[in-house]
Amino acid sequence: MDEQCCHPENEECYLGLRVTKGVSNAPIVNPNLHRQRRTKLSVDEYVDGILRGDITILSRAVTLVESLLPTHQDTAQQIIERCLPHAGKSMRIGITGVPGAGKSTSIDAFGMHLIRQGRKLAVLAIDPSSERSKGSILGDKTRMEQLAREKNAFIRPSPSAGSLGGVARKTRETIVLCEAAGFDTIFVETVGVGQSETAVHSMVDFFLLIQLAGTGDELQGIKRGIMEMADGIVVNKADGDNVDKANLAASHYRSALRLFPPAESGWKPRVLTYSGYYALGIKDIWDMVDEYRHMTTDNGYFRLKRQRQAKWWMYETINDELRDSFYNNPDVQALIPETEEAVLQDRATSFTAARRLLEAYFRNAFDS
C-alpha cells in the first residue's frame, strides 16, 4: 500500500511533517549486543582476589556460598578454608529491632560514622522473603543511600527464603570472606524481632537492639529472651517532640534490665537514645561498643565467646547435614506418605510414626 495513503500527514499541504513506517516486531534485545560470559575463576584466583580486597570477586564468592549447587558448595568451602587464617580480626555486630524501628536508616548513619573514622564496613542483611513465592525485595541498598555510594562499604542482602538456619550458616561463612577481604567491622541485620535473633546472636560479638518510643507499653512489645541477649539497647527517633518519650522509654528499659541476672561477660547492658534520621547521638553508641570490646578483650570473654560460637556452629552443621540426609533417604521418602496418613487417621501416634521413619533411615544407612 502506498505510504501516502497510509499517512495523510505526508500530503503536500502538511509540508515539513513526514511520518515514516515504523519497525514491526522490534527485537527486545539489541541484536548488535554481544554478551560477554564471565570467566570461571579458580579457587586460587578467588582467594587472591578476596585477600587484595576486590569487591567484585568477593561478591562472586558470596554467590557461591549462597548457591545450592553441590559443585558451587564444594568450591565455596575450599575458598572459606583458605580465607579462614586471614579472618577473625573484625568487630561483628548484630542489629535487630521491631519492624519500623528504623534499622536500615540507623545502619546508614552508624556506617557513615565508622567510614569517616577510616573503617571498612560490611553489612550483611537477612531480608524477609515471601513464604508463598520465596521471593524477596532485597531493598537494603535503596534504604542505605549514603553507604551504597561508599567504596569502603559492602552491602549484601540475603533472602531468608523460609530457611532461616541455612541463611544464618551462609551469613556466618560470608563473614569469614568479608574479614579476609579487609573489612574490620561487620553488621548483621536481622529481619526483625523473632527466632532469627538466636542465630544472629551466635555469630556476633555485640548484639544491639533498636527500639522505638511512643508506641504504647514499650516493654510489652519485646520478649525477655531478646532483652537478655542485648548488649546494648538504643531508642531511635529521639528528636523533635519525641525526645521526652524516648527518654521515658529508655528509663523503662533500664529498670527492666536491673531485674536480669548479671551477664557472664561482666558487662552491664546500657540504654541510650539517638536519632538515626538526624544522626544525633551516634558517637555515644559506638563509644559504648568500643568500650565493650576493650573490656571483654581484657577479661578474656571476647575470645571465649567466639570459641563457643565456633563449637555451636559445628554442631548446628551436623544437625543440618543429618536432617538433609534423613529427608533425602529413599526409604524414608517412600514411607512418609503412608506414615503421615496413619497419624492423620489416628492409627499411629506421632512418636510411633517418627520412630518408624527413623528405623527405616538407620536400617538403610547401615545396609549401605
Protein backbone atom coordinates (compact mmCIF):
# COMPACT_ATOMS: atom_id res chain seq x y z
CA MET A 1 0.00 0.00 0.00
CA ASP A 2 1.21 3.47 -0.88
CA GLU A 3 2.85 5.22 2.08
CA GLN A 4 0.96 8.47 1.38
CA CYS A 5 -2.39 6.64 1.54
CA CYS A 6 -1.47 5.21 4.89
CA HIS A 7 -0.30 8.56 6.23
CA PRO A 8 -2.27 11.59 5.05
CA GLU A 9 0.19 13.69 7.05
CA ASN A 10 2.61 13.21 4.14
CA GLU A 11 0.40 15.16 1.72
CA GLU A 12 1.76 18.41 0.29
CA CYS A 13 -0.47 20.51 2.50
CA TYR A 14 1.49 19.26 5.50
CA LEU A 15 4.92 20.37 4.36
CA GLY A 16 7.61 19.87 6.97
CA LEU A 17 5.78 16.98 8.60
CA ARG A 18 6.55 13.48 7.45
CA VAL A 19 5.70 10.17 9.09
CA THR A 20 7.61 7.09 8.00
CA LYS A 21 6.71 3.47 8.55
CA GLY A 22 7.82 2.04 11.87
CA VAL A 23 9.53 -1.25 12.52
CA SER A 24 7.14 -4.10 13.24
CA ASN A 25 8.02 -6.63 15.95
CA ALA A 26 11.21 -4.90 17.03
CA PRO A 27 13.56 -7.24 18.93
CA ILE A 28 13.54 -6.80 22.72
CA VAL A 29 17.32 -7.21 22.95
CA ASN A 30 19.69 -5.23 20.76
CA PRO A 31 20.85 -7.74 18.08
CA ASN A 32 24.24 -5.98 17.99
CA LEU A 33 24.79 -6.61 21.69
CA HIS A 34 27.38 -9.28 22.33
CA ARG A 35 27.15 -10.63 25.84
CA GLN A 36 30.45 -11.49 27.37
CA ARG A 37 30.38 -14.60 29.52
CA ARG A 38 32.06 -14.30 32.89
CA THR A 39 35.31 -16.16 33.12
CA LYS A 40 35.20 -19.05 35.55
CA LEU A 41 37.70 -18.42 38.33
CA SER A 42 39.84 -21.00 40.09
CA VAL A 43 39.95 -21.29 43.89
CA ASP A 44 43.38 -19.60 43.87
CA GLU A 45 42.01 -16.67 41.85
CA TYR A 46 39.06 -16.29 44.21
CA VAL A 47 41.30 -16.32 47.29
CA ASP A 48 43.86 -13.92 45.78
CA GLY A 49 41.08 -11.51 44.74
CA ILE A 50 39.44 -11.60 48.18
CA LEU A 51 42.73 -11.04 50.01
CA ARG A 52 43.50 -7.96 47.92
CA GLY A 53 40.02 -6.57 48.62
CA ASP A 54 38.47 -6.99 45.15
CA ILE A 55 34.76 -6.37 45.80
CA THR A 56 33.66 -7.96 42.51
CA ILE A 57 35.43 -11.23 43.29
CA LEU A 58 34.18 -11.10 46.89
CA SER A 59 30.61 -10.76 45.60
CA ARG A 60 31.06 -13.73 43.28
CA ALA A 61 32.47 -15.79 46.14
CA VAL A 62 29.47 -14.93 48.32
CA THR A 63 27.20 -16.03 45.47
CA LEU A 64 28.95 -19.41 45.52
CA VAL A 65 28.39 -19.62 49.28
CA GLU A 66 24.67 -18.91 48.81
CA SER A 67 24.29 -21.35 45.91
CA LEU A 68 22.60 -24.71 46.45
CA LEU A 69 24.55 -26.44 43.66
CA PRO A 70 26.92 -29.09 45.07
CA THR A 71 29.78 -28.00 42.78
CA HIS A 72 29.42 -24.40 43.94
CA GLN A 73 29.30 -25.51 47.57
CA ASP A 74 32.50 -27.55 47.16
CA THR A 75 34.30 -24.55 45.64
CA ALA A 76 32.91 -22.21 48.31
CA GLN A 77 34.13 -24.42 51.16
CA GLN A 78 37.63 -24.55 49.66
CA ILE A 79 37.67 -20.74 49.42
CA ILE A 80 36.45 -20.36 53.02
CA GLU A 81 39.09 -22.78 54.33
CA ARG A 82 41.81 -20.82 52.55
CA CYS A 83 40.47 -17.48 53.85
CA LEU A 84 39.98 -18.63 57.44
CA PRO A 85 43.56 -17.86 58.61
CA HIS A 86 43.07 -14.26 57.41
CA ALA A 87 39.71 -13.79 59.18
CA GLY A 88 38.66 -13.09 62.76
CA LYS A 89 40.03 -9.57 63.11
CA SER A 90 36.78 -7.63 62.77
CA MET A 91 34.15 -6.44 65.24
CA ARG A 92 30.94 -8.34 64.50
CA ILE A 93 27.75 -6.53 65.48
CA GLY A 94 24.22 -7.89 65.31
CA ILE A 95 21.49 -5.30 64.84
CA THR A 96 17.84 -6.08 65.42
CA GLY A 97 14.60 -4.35 66.27
CA VAL A 98 10.89 -4.39 65.67
CA PRO A 99 9.73 -3.65 62.09
CA GLY A 100 9.61 0.10 61.56
CA ALA A 101 12.23 0.81 64.21
CA GLY A 102 14.46 2.33 61.53
CA LYS A 103 17.15 -0.35 61.34
CA SER A 104 18.25 0.40 57.78
CA THR A 105 18.27 4.18 58.31
CA SER A 106 20.21 3.68 61.54
CA ILE A 107 22.72 1.35 59.87
CA ASP A 108 23.24 4.01 57.21
CA ALA A 109 24.02 6.59 59.94
CA PHE A 110 26.10 4.16 62.01
CA GLY A 111 28.05 3.08 58.94
CA MET A 112 28.85 6.61 57.78
CA HIS A 113 30.14 7.42 61.28
CA LEU A 114 32.55 4.46 61.06
CA ILE A 115 33.55 5.16 57.44
CA ARG A 116 34.56 8.70 58.43
CA GLN A 117 36.83 7.13 61.05
CA GLY A 118 38.62 5.20 58.31
CA ARG A 119 36.89 1.87 58.98
CA LYS A 120 35.80 -0.64 56.32
CA LEU A 121 32.25 -1.88 56.81
CA ALA A 122 30.36 -4.91 55.52
CA VAL A 123 26.58 -5.03 56.02
CA LEU A 124 25.02 -8.48 55.77
CA ALA A 125 21.27 -8.08 55.83
CA ILE A 126 18.94 -11.06 56.03
CA ASP A 127 15.97 -9.78 54.02
CA PRO A 128 12.38 -11.03 54.54
CA SER A 129 11.18 -13.43 51.86
CA SER A 130 7.72 -14.33 50.74
CA GLU A 131 6.60 -17.66 52.20
CA ARG A 132 4.47 -18.17 49.10
CA SER A 133 6.84 -17.29 46.24
CA LYS A 134 10.14 -17.39 48.17
CA GLY A 135 10.89 -14.05 46.52
CA SER A 136 12.49 -11.13 48.33
CA ILE A 137 12.59 -7.38 47.84
CA LEU A 138 16.26 -7.09 48.81
CA GLY A 139 15.84 -3.35 49.16
CA ASP A 140 18.51 -2.58 51.73
CA LYS A 141 20.70 -0.68 49.29
CA THR A 142 17.84 1.67 48.49
CA ARG A 143 17.37 2.40 52.22
CA MET A 144 21.11 2.87 52.85
CA GLU A 145 21.64 5.66 50.38
CA GLN A 146 24.91 7.01 51.76
CA LEU A 147 26.60 3.69 52.43
CA ALA A 148 25.64 2.37 48.99
CA ARG A 149 27.90 5.03 47.44
CA GLU A 150 30.91 4.37 49.67
CA LYS A 151 33.83 2.35 48.29
CA ASN A 152 34.72 1.17 51.80
CA ALA A 153 31.24 -0.27 52.39
CA PHE A 154 29.93 -3.61 51.16
CA ILE A 155 26.17 -4.27 51.43
CA ARG A 156 24.98 -7.80 50.81
CA PRO A 157 21.29 -8.65 51.40
CA SER A 158 20.44 -12.35 51.63
CA PRO A 159 16.87 -13.60 51.18
CA SER A 160 15.74 -15.78 54.06
CA ALA A 161 13.58 -17.84 51.64
CA GLY A 162 11.84 -19.57 54.52
CA SER A 163 15.02 -21.37 55.64
CA LEU A 164 16.48 -19.31 58.45
CA GLY A 165 19.06 -21.87 59.55
CA GLY A 166 20.55 -22.17 56.08
CA VAL A 167 20.78 -18.43 55.59
CA ALA A 168 22.32 -17.96 59.04
CA ARG A 169 25.01 -20.53 58.28
CA LYS A 170 25.77 -18.90 54.92
CA THR A 171 25.88 -15.49 56.61
CA ARG A 172 28.48 -16.77 59.05
CA GLU A 173 30.57 -18.10 56.17
CA THR A 174 30.20 -14.77 54.38
CA ILE A 175 31.58 -13.03 57.50
CA VAL A 176 34.80 -15.05 57.07
CA LEU A 177 35.15 -13.90 53.45
CA CYS A 178 34.47 -10.25 54.32
CA GLU A 179 37.04 -10.29 57.11
CA ALA A 180 39.62 -11.84 54.79
CA ALA A 181 38.85 -9.03 52.32
CA GLY A 182 39.88 -6.45 54.93
CA PHE A 183 36.55 -5.36 56.40
CA ASP A 184 37.17 -4.54 60.06
CA THR A 185 33.51 -4.06 61.04
CA ILE A 186 30.65 -6.41 60.18
CA PHE A 187 26.97 -5.57 60.67
CA VAL A 188 24.45 -8.41 60.59
CA GLU A 189 20.92 -7.02 60.32
CA THR A 190 18.05 -9.38 61.16
CA VAL A 191 14.55 -9.47 59.69
CA GLY A 192 13.06 -8.30 62.99
CA VAL A 193 12.30 -9.45 66.50
CA GLY A 194 11.76 -13.22 66.33
CA GLN A 195 13.57 -16.54 66.01
CA SER A 196 16.33 -15.08 63.81
CA GLU A 197 17.83 -13.33 66.84
CA THR A 198 19.20 -16.56 68.34
CA ALA A 199 21.01 -17.47 65.13
CA VAL A 200 22.46 -13.98 64.69
CA HIS A 201 23.46 -13.74 68.35
CA SER A 202 25.52 -16.90 67.84
CA MET A 203 27.73 -15.23 65.21
CA VAL A 204 28.32 -11.69 66.52
CA ASP A 205 30.38 -10.11 69.31
CA PHE A 206 27.95 -7.33 70.25
CA PHE A 207 24.16 -7.52 70.00
CA LEU A 208 22.39 -4.17 69.54
CA LEU A 209 18.63 -3.85 69.98
CA ILE A 210 16.87 -0.87 68.36
CA GLN A 211 13.61 0.24 69.93
CA LEU A 212 11.03 2.96 69.41
CA ALA A 213 9.30 5.26 71.87
CA GLY A 214 5.72 6.43 71.93
CA THR A 215 4.21 3.17 70.67
CA GLY A 216 2.36 2.26 73.87
CA ASP A 217 3.74 -0.05 76.53
CA GLU A 218 7.27 -0.49 75.22
CA LEU A 219 8.11 -3.45 77.45
CA GLN A 220 5.09 -5.39 76.23
CA GLY A 221 6.37 -5.36 72.65
CA ILE A 222 9.57 -7.25 73.31
CA LYS A 223 10.44 -10.71 74.57
CA ARG A 224 12.51 -11.22 77.69
CA GLY A 225 14.89 -13.53 75.83
CA ILE A 226 15.86 -10.83 73.36
CA MET A 227 16.33 -8.32 76.17
CA GLU A 228 18.70 -10.78 77.85
CA MET A 229 20.69 -11.23 74.64
CA ALA A 230 21.13 -7.50 74.09
CA ASP A 231 24.48 -5.94 74.99
CA GLY A 232 23.03 -2.51 74.29
CA ILE A 233 19.53 -1.08 73.76
CA VAL A 234 19.12 2.12 71.77
CA VAL A 235 15.89 4.08 71.44
CA ASN A 236 15.55 5.60 67.98
CA LYS A 237 13.82 8.79 66.81
CA ALA A 238 14.86 10.83 69.86
CA ASP A 239 14.33 14.12 68.05
CA GLY A 240 11.84 16.97 67.96
CA ASP A 241 8.73 16.41 70.07
CA ASN A 242 9.69 12.78 70.62
CA VAL A 243 12.74 13.43 72.85
CA ASP A 244 10.81 13.20 76.14
CA LYS A 245 9.06 9.99 75.05
CA ALA A 246 12.41 8.48 74.04
CA ASN A 247 13.96 9.36 77.40
CA LEU A 248 10.96 7.89 79.25
CA ALA A 249 11.17 4.68 77.22
CA ALA A 250 14.90 4.46 77.94
CA SER A 251 14.24 4.71 81.69
CA HIS A 252 11.72 1.85 81.41
CA TYR A 253 14.31 -0.36 79.70
CA ARG A 254 16.96 0.49 82.30
CA SER A 255 14.56 -0.53 85.07
CA ALA A 256 13.78 -3.81 83.29
CA LEU A 257 17.47 -4.63 82.79
CA ARG A 258 18.10 -4.35 86.53
CA LEU A 259 15.84 -7.38 87.05
CA PHE A 260 18.05 -9.64 84.91
CA PRO A 261 20.96 -11.63 86.39
CA PRO A 262 24.47 -10.29 85.73
CA ALA A 263 25.96 -11.24 82.36
CA GLU A 264 28.84 -13.73 82.29
CA SER A 265 30.91 -11.18 80.38
CA GLY A 266 30.83 -8.77 83.30
CA TRP A 267 29.31 -6.15 81.02
CA LYS A 268 26.23 -4.23 82.15
CA PRO A 269 24.00 -3.54 79.11
CA ARG A 270 23.31 0.14 78.57
CA VAL A 271 20.34 2.04 77.21
CA LEU A 272 20.91 5.10 75.02
CA THR A 273 18.75 7.38 72.89
CA TYR A 274 19.57 8.66 69.41
CA SER A 275 18.12 9.81 66.10
CA GLY A 276 19.08 7.76 63.06
CA TYR A 277 17.47 10.22 60.65
CA TYR A 278 19.27 13.26 62.04
CA ALA A 279 22.41 11.30 63.06
CA LEU A 280 22.22 12.50 66.68
CA GLY A 281 23.84 10.51 69.48
CA ILE A 282 25.64 8.14 67.09
CA LYS A 283 29.07 8.70 68.62
CA ASP A 284 27.84 7.69 72.09
CA ILE A 285 26.60 4.36 70.71
CA TRP A 286 29.95 3.50 69.15
CA ASP A 287 31.86 4.63 72.20
CA MET A 288 29.74 2.06 74.07
CA VAL A 289 30.58 -0.68 71.53
CA ASP A 290 34.31 0.13 71.71
CA GLU A 291 34.22 0.09 75.49
CA TYR A 292 32.54 -3.33 75.42
CA ARG A 293 35.21 -4.71 73.11
CA HIS A 294 38.07 -3.42 75.24
CA MET A 295 36.55 -4.73 78.47
CA THR A 296 35.71 -8.22 77.15
CA THR A 297 39.09 -8.50 75.41
CA ASP A 298 40.89 -7.67 78.64
CA ASN A 299 38.91 -10.18 80.74
CA GLY A 300 39.13 -12.93 78.08
CA TYR A 301 35.39 -13.20 77.40
CA PHE A 302 35.68 -11.92 73.81
CA ARG A 303 37.81 -14.91 72.74
CA LEU A 304 35.81 -17.36 74.86
CA LYS A 305 32.56 -16.28 73.20
CA ARG A 306 33.98 -16.76 69.72
CA GLN A 307 35.25 -20.22 70.64
CA ARG A 308 31.80 -21.18 71.91
CA GLN A 309 30.22 -19.85 68.75
CA ALA A 310 32.55 -21.91 66.56
CA LYS A 311 31.66 -25.06 68.52
CA TRP A 312 27.94 -24.22 68.38
CA TRP A 313 28.07 -23.87 64.59
CA MET A 314 29.91 -27.17 64.27
CA TYR A 315 27.00 -28.96 65.94
CA GLU A 316 24.44 -26.91 64.01
CA THR A 317 26.11 -28.01 60.77
CA ILE A 318 25.96 -31.65 61.90
CA ASN A 319 22.24 -31.25 62.69
CA ASP A 320 21.58 -29.70 59.27
CA GLU A 321 23.50 -32.42 57.43
CA LEU A 322 21.71 -35.19 59.34
CA ARG A 323 18.34 -33.58 58.64
CA ASP A 324 19.10 -33.34 54.91
CA SER A 325 20.38 -36.90 54.86
CA PHE A 326 17.22 -38.13 56.59
CA TYR A 327 14.72 -36.44 54.28
CA ASN A 328 16.70 -37.33 51.13
CA ASN A 329 16.84 -41.01 52.11
CA PRO A 330 14.83 -43.03 49.53
CA ASP A 331 13.36 -45.43 52.11
CA VAL A 332 12.19 -42.51 54.25
CA GLN A 333 10.72 -40.70 51.24
CA ALA A 334 8.78 -43.80 50.24
CA LEU A 335 7.46 -44.32 53.76
CA ILE A 336 6.50 -40.74 54.63
CA PRO A 337 3.09 -40.57 52.79
CA GLU A 338 1.58 -43.65 54.47
CA THR A 339 3.11 -42.75 57.84
CA GLU A 340 1.61 -39.25 57.66
CA GLU A 341 -1.75 -40.76 56.75
CA ALA A 342 -1.58 -43.11 59.73
CA VAL A 343 -1.03 -40.16 62.05
CA LEU A 344 -3.86 -38.15 60.46
CA GLN A 345 -6.25 -41.11 60.77
CA ASP A 346 -5.27 -41.71 64.42
CA ARG A 347 -3.90 -45.15 63.57
CA ALA A 348 -0.48 -44.23 64.97
CA THR A 349 0.83 -41.67 67.40
CA SER A 350 3.27 -39.02 66.27
CA PHE A 351 6.04 -40.61 68.32
CA THR A 352 5.44 -44.11 66.93
CA ALA A 353 5.39 -42.75 63.39
CA ALA A 354 8.63 -40.83 63.96
CA ARG A 355 10.31 -43.95 65.36
CA ARG A 356 9.19 -45.97 62.33
CA LEU A 357 10.73 -43.43 59.94
CA LEU A 358 13.95 -43.27 61.94
CA GLU A 359 14.24 -47.06 61.98
CA ALA A 360 13.85 -47.09 58.20
CA TYR A 361 16.55 -44.44 57.89
CA PHE A 362 19.06 -46.20 60.14
CA ARG A 363 18.38 -49.55 58.51
CA ASN A 364 19.13 -48.07 55.10
CA ALA A 365 22.18 -46.20 56.42
CA PHE A 366 23.73 -49.30 58.00
CA ASP A 367 22.94 -51.52 55.00
CA SER A 368 24.68 -49.10 52.64
